[in-house]
Amino acid sequence: MKTIEELRELRESMQRKMSLRKAGDDETVRVVVGMATCGIAAGARPVLSALVDEVGKRGLKNVIVTQTGCIGVCRLEPVFEVYGPDGSKTTYVKMTPEKALRVVSEHLANGRVVEEYTIGAAEREEARK
């Protein structure tokens, strides 16, 4: 059995995580993780968890993490998209929890797209084969 204090801490922790998944304002960066059957089978759940946890740990108040169904590039799952406040969209493909942490560190926290994880890089690689 947990103590009242442990339950309060658990509730506050979950509320912080859930606040990362709510709609934001005009300065908000949205991260949308593909969670259709194909994405889940390819490992999207741990990627989603890694994103939510790392955004929370870093206290990135301008970032929300949500999920959607199929993004449409099943062969490149797990996939997530980053929508900037300026309307830009970056699609990250073949993601892992470790790669997601790097995207949080470089792209979400510092504004530098991690080019080698993007759909453009994956398509160029496929074209070379």
Protein backbone atom coordinates (compact mmCIF):
# COMPACT_ATOMS: atom_id res chain seq x y z
CA MET A 1 0.00 0.00 0.00
CA LYS A 2 1.23 3.46 -0.81
CA THR A 3 1.21 6.34 1.62
CA ILE A 4 -0.87 9.44 0.98
CA GLU A 5 2.31 11.38 0.16
CA GLU A 6 3.42 8.73 -2.38
CA LEU A 7 -0.01 8.86 -4.01
CA ARG A 8 0.15 12.68 -4.19
CA GLU A 9 3.58 12.52 -5.83
CA LEU A 10 2.32 9.92 -8.30
CA ARG A 11 -0.72 12.07 -9.12
CA GLU A 12 1.42 15.19 -9.64
CA SER A 13 3.85 13.26 -11.84
CA MET A 14 1.02 11.94 -14.01
CA GLN A 15 -0.61 15.38 -14.21
CA ARG A 16 2.70 16.85 -15.47
CA LYS A 17 2.93 14.12 -18.10
CA MET A 18 -0.67 14.64 -19.18
CA SER A 19 -0.20 18.40 -19.45
CA LEU A 20 2.41 17.68 -22.13
CA ARG A 21 -0.38 16.16 -24.22
CA LYS A 22 -2.84 19.07 -24.13
CA ALA A 23 -3.33 21.76 -26.75
CA GLY A 24 -1.09 24.78 -26.47
CA ASP A 25 -0.89 28.33 -27.79
CA ASP A 26 0.73 30.04 -30.79
CA GLU A 27 4.26 29.47 -29.44
CA THR A 28 3.74 25.76 -28.95
CA VAL A 29 5.74 23.08 -30.72
CA ARG A 30 3.60 19.97 -31.30
CA VAL A 31 5.08 16.50 -31.54
CA VAL A 32 2.65 13.99 -33.07
CA VAL A 33 3.54 10.30 -32.79
CA GLY A 34 2.01 7.80 -35.23
CA MET A 35 0.28 5.20 -33.07
CA ALA A 36 -1.63 3.11 -35.61
CA THR A 37 -1.17 -0.67 -35.54
CA CYS A 38 1.88 -0.43 -37.81
CA GLY A 39 3.56 2.13 -35.56
CA ILE A 40 2.82 0.25 -32.37
CA ALA A 41 4.12 -3.00 -33.88
CA ALA A 42 7.32 -1.20 -34.92
CA GLY A 43 7.94 0.25 -31.43
CA ALA A 44 6.08 3.57 -31.27
CA ARG A 45 4.96 3.15 -27.64
CA PRO A 46 8.48 3.31 -26.16
CA VAL A 47 9.25 6.23 -28.48
CA LEU A 48 6.16 8.10 -27.26
CA SER A 49 7.10 7.38 -23.63
CA ALA A 50 10.68 8.55 -24.17
CA LEU A 51 9.45 11.81 -25.74
CA VAL A 52 6.96 12.55 -22.95
CA ASP A 53 9.45 11.69 -20.22
CA GLU A 54 12.33 13.73 -21.67
CA VAL A 55 10.19 16.79 -22.48
CA GLY A 56 8.93 16.64 -18.88
CA LYS A 57 12.42 16.22 -17.39
CA ARG A 58 13.69 19.20 -19.37
CA GLY A 59 10.67 21.31 -18.43
CA LEU A 60 9.96 22.28 -22.05
CA LYS A 61 6.72 24.16 -21.43
CA ASN A 62 6.28 25.12 -25.10
CA VAL A 63 6.24 21.48 -26.29
CA ILE A 64 3.22 19.18 -26.31
CA VAL A 65 3.35 15.52 -27.27
CA THR A 66 0.27 13.89 -28.77
CA GLN A 67 -0.55 10.83 -30.81
CA THR A 68 -2.40 10.13 -34.02
CA GLY A 69 -3.28 7.19 -36.20
CA CYS A 70 -1.44 6.28 -39.37
CA ILE A 71 0.87 8.95 -40.74
CA GLY A 72 1.11 7.08 -44.04
CA VAL A 73 4.68 5.82 -44.31
CA CYS A 74 4.38 2.43 -42.63
CA ARG A 75 7.68 1.15 -44.03
CA LEU A 76 9.45 3.88 -42.03
CA GLU A 77 7.75 3.36 -38.64
CA PRO A 78 8.01 4.43 -35.87
CA VAL A 79 7.32 7.94 -37.14
CA PHE A 80 6.68 11.25 -35.43
CA GLU A 81 6.25 14.76 -36.74
CA VAL A 82 7.33 18.02 -35.16
CA TYR A 83 5.16 21.04 -35.99
CA GLY A 84 6.80 24.36 -35.25
CA PRO A 85 4.91 27.51 -34.25
CA ASP A 86 5.85 28.94 -37.67
CA GLY A 87 3.94 26.14 -39.45
CA SER A 88 7.02 24.10 -40.30
CA LYS A 89 6.83 20.32 -40.18
CA THR A 90 9.70 17.88 -39.71
CA THR A 91 9.01 14.16 -40.10
CA TYR A 92 11.29 11.81 -38.17
CA VAL A 93 11.36 8.14 -39.22
CA LYS A 94 12.68 4.78 -38.05
CA MET A 95 12.77 6.18 -34.54
CA THR A 96 13.92 4.53 -31.32
CA PRO A 97 13.68 5.84 -27.76
CA GLU A 98 17.39 6.77 -27.94
CA LYS A 99 16.92 8.71 -31.18
CA ALA A 100 13.88 10.43 -29.67
CA LEU A 101 16.02 11.66 -26.76
CA ARG A 102 18.46 13.20 -29.24
CA VAL A 103 15.60 14.93 -31.09
CA VAL A 104 14.37 16.41 -27.79
CA SER A 105 17.89 17.60 -26.94
CA GLU A 106 18.76 19.06 -30.32
CA HIS A 107 15.51 19.96 -32.09
CA LEU A 108 12.96 20.64 -29.36
CA ALA A 109 15.34 22.23 -26.84
CA ASN A 110 17.74 23.97 -29.25
CA GLY A 111 15.96 24.33 -32.59
CA ARG A 112 18.39 22.19 -34.62
CA VAL A 113 16.73 19.56 -36.83
CA VAL A 114 18.42 16.16 -36.59
CA GLU A 115 18.71 15.73 -40.36
CA GLU A 116 19.89 12.11 -40.41
CA TYR A 117 16.64 10.96 -38.75
CA THR A 118 14.30 12.77 -41.16
CA ILE A 119 12.18 11.28 -43.91
CA GLY A 120 14.29 13.12 -46.50
CA ALA A 121 17.47 11.40 -45.30
CA ALA A 122 15.73 7.99 -45.30
CA GLU A 123 14.45 8.48 -48.84
CA ARG A 124 17.87 9.57 -50.10
CA GLU A 125 19.35 6.45 -48.50
CA GLU A 126 16.72 4.24 -50.18
CA ALA A 127 17.41 5.89 -53.54
CA ARG A 128 21.13 5.04 -53.26
CA LYS A 129 20.39 1.34 -52.87
